[in-house]
Amino acid sequence: MSESEINGTEEDVQDKKQKKQTRHDGGAADLERVTDYAEEKEISAAHISSAVEQIGNKRSKEEERKVAKERLKHLMQ
């Protein structure tokens, strides 16, 4: 057997190197996607917290109005 049959041709070696580089670059792209997803999730959580706080504030104001109405009603009687 010749050396090229055992080790493969020079083109085969280059193809293998390109495949390894492609896999490496693909991993970097996957990492970037995961990082972007995590950042979006954090932003979403912050928005949700803000929305929950606003709803709580609105309920408190409604409760205050209700109590004020009841007091006024009792004073009128």
C-alpha atoms as a PDB file:
ATOM      1  CA  MET A   1       0.000   0.000   0.000  1.00  0.00           C
ATOM      2  CA  SER A   2       1.168   3.468  -0.720  1.00  0.00           C
ATOM      3  CA  GLU A   3       1.351   6.231   1.846  1.00  0.00           C
ATOM      4  CA  SER A   4      -1.519   8.179   0.218  1.00  0.00           C
ATOM      5  CA  GLU A   5      -3.789   5.157   0.546  1.00  0.00           C
ATOM      6  CA  ILE A   6      -2.981   4.776   4.244  1.00  0.00           C
ATOM      7  CA  ASN A   7      -3.017   8.443   5.277  1.00  0.00           C
ATOM      8  CA  GLY A   8      -5.463   9.683   2.649  1.00  0.00           C
ATOM      9  CA  THR A   9      -4.900  12.319   0.036  1.00  0.00           C
ATOM     10  CA  GLU A  10      -3.988  15.875   0.842  1.00  0.00           C
ATOM     11  CA  GLU A  11      -7.522  16.933  -0.139  1.00  0.00           C
ATOM     12  CA  ASP A  12      -8.988  14.464   2.379  1.00  0.00           C
ATOM     13  CA  VAL A  13      -6.828  15.944   5.122  1.00  0.00           C
ATOM     14  CA  GLN A  14      -7.927  19.482   4.206  1.00  0.00           C
ATOM     15  CA  ASP A  15     -11.588  18.408   4.120  1.00  0.00           C
ATOM     16  CA  LYS A  16     -11.265  16.966   7.613  1.00  0.00           C
ATOM     17  CA  LYS A  17      -9.684  20.199   8.874  1.00  0.00           C
ATOM     18  CA  GLN A  18     -12.491  22.257   7.331  1.00  0.00           C
ATOM     19  CA  LYS A  19     -15.106  20.023   8.962  1.00  0.00           C
ATOM     20  CA  LYS A  20     -13.437  20.478  12.340  1.00  0.00           C
ATOM     21  CA  GLN A  21     -13.359  24.257  11.866  1.00  0.00           C
ATOM     22  CA  THR A  22     -17.010  24.256  10.819  1.00  0.00           C
ATOM     23  CA  ARG A  23     -17.965  22.325  13.924  1.00  0.00           C
ATOM     24  CA  HIS A  24     -15.966  24.727  16.074  1.00  0.00           C
ATOM     25  CA  ASP A  25     -17.643  27.765  14.504  1.00  0.00           C
ATOM     26  CA  GLY A  26     -21.033  26.092  14.836  1.00  0.00           C
ATOM     27  CA  GLY A  27     -20.436  25.683  18.552  1.00  0.00           C
ATOM     28  CA  ALA A  28     -19.693  29.378  18.876  1.00  0.00           C
ATOM     29  CA  ALA A  29     -22.937  30.190  17.072  1.00  0.00           C
ATOM     30  CA  ASP A  30     -24.834  27.856  19.407  1.00  0.00           C
ATOM     31  CA  LEU A  31     -23.266  29.531  22.423  1.00  0.00           C
ATOM     32  CA  GLU A  32     -24.263  32.938  21.084  1.00  0.00           C
ATOM     33  CA  ARG A  33     -27.851  31.747  20.567  1.00  0.00           C
ATOM     34  CA  VAL A  34     -28.032  30.357  24.103  1.00  0.00           C
ATOM     35  CA  THR A  35     -26.595  33.584  25.506  1.00  0.00           C
ATOM     36  CA  ASP A  36     -29.117  35.668  23.542  1.00  0.00           C
ATOM     37  CA  TYR A  37     -31.956  33.464  24.799  1.00  0.00           C
ATOM     38  CA  ALA A  38     -30.797  33.836  28.396  1.00  0.00           C
ATOM     39  CA  GLU A  39     -30.588  37.627  28.031  1.00  0.00           C
ATOM     40  CA  GLU A  40     -34.076  37.792  26.511  1.00  0.00           C
ATOM     41  CA  LYS A  41     -35.406  35.636  29.322  1.00  0.00           C
ATOM     42  CA  GLU A  42     -33.865  37.989  31.907  1.00  0.00           C
ATOM     43  CA  ILE A  43     -35.414  40.996  30.196  1.00  0.00           C
ATOM     44  CA  SER A  44     -38.764  39.270  30.099  1.00  0.00           C
ATOM     45  CA  ALA A  45     -38.538  38.486  33.801  1.00  0.00           C
ATOM     46  CA  ALA A  46     -37.829  42.146  34.541  1.00  0.00           C
ATOM     47  CA  HIS A  47     -40.839  43.199  32.484  1.00  0.00           C
ATOM     48  CA  ILE A  48     -43.028  40.672  34.264  1.00  0.00           C
ATOM     49  CA  SER A  49     -41.887  41.947  37.659  1.00  0.00           C
ATOM     50  CA  SER A  50     -42.735  45.476  36.618  1.00  0.00           C
ATOM     51  CA  ALA A  51     -46.172  44.421  35.377  1.00  0.00           C
ATOM     52  CA  VAL A  52     -46.915  42.557  38.608  1.00  0.00           C
ATOM     53  CA  GLU A  53     -45.889  45.625  40.614  1.00  0.00           C
ATOM     54  CA  GLN A  54     -48.170  47.854  38.546  1.00  0.00           C
ATOM     55  CA  ILE A  55     -51.098  45.477  39.042  1.00  0.00           C
ATOM     56  CA  GLY A  56     -50.446  45.451  42.785  1.00  0.00           C
ATOM     57  CA  ASN A  57     -50.410  49.245  42.868  1.00  0.00           C
ATOM     58  CA  LYS A  58     -53.666  49.416  40.932  1.00  0.00           C
ATOM     59  CA  ARG A  59     -55.337  46.968  43.331  1.00  0.00           C
ATOM     60  CA  SER A  60     -54.143  48.985  46.317  1.00  0.00           C
ATOM     61  CA  LYS A  61     -55.620  52.168  44.868  1.00  0.00           C
ATOM     62  CA  GLU A  62     -58.913  50.412  44.136  1.00  0.00           C
ATOM     63  CA  GLU A  63     -59.018  49.073  47.687  1.00  0.00           C
ATOM     64  CA  GLU A  64     -58.350  52.566  49.082  1.00  0.00           C
ATOM     65  CA  ARG A  65     -61.216  53.965  47.007  1.00  0.00           C
ATOM     66  CA  LYS A  66     -63.517  51.215  48.191  1.00  0.00           C
ATOM     67  CA  VAL A  67     -62.660  51.895  51.849  1.00  0.00           C
ATOM     68  CA  ALA A  68     -63.162  55.638  51.331  1.00  0.00           C
ATOM     69  CA  LYS A  69     -66.600  54.992  49.777  1.00  0.00           C
ATOM     70  CA  GLU A  70     -67.606  52.794  52.702  1.00  0.00           C
ATOM     71  CA  ARG A  71     -66.522  55.455  55.210  1.00  0.00           C
ATOM     72  CA  LEU A  72     -68.441  58.131  53.354  1.00  0.00           C
ATOM     73  CA  LYS A  73     -71.486  55.876  53.210  1.00  0.00           C
ATOM     74  CA  HIS A  74     -71.365  55.285  56.988  1.00  0.00           C
ATOM     75  CA  LEU A  75     -70.997  59.018  57.662  1.00  0.00           C
ATOM     76  CA  MET A  76     -74.054  59.791  55.517  1.00  0.00           C
ATOM     77  CA  GLN A  77     -76.273  57.411  57.462  1.00  0.00           C
END
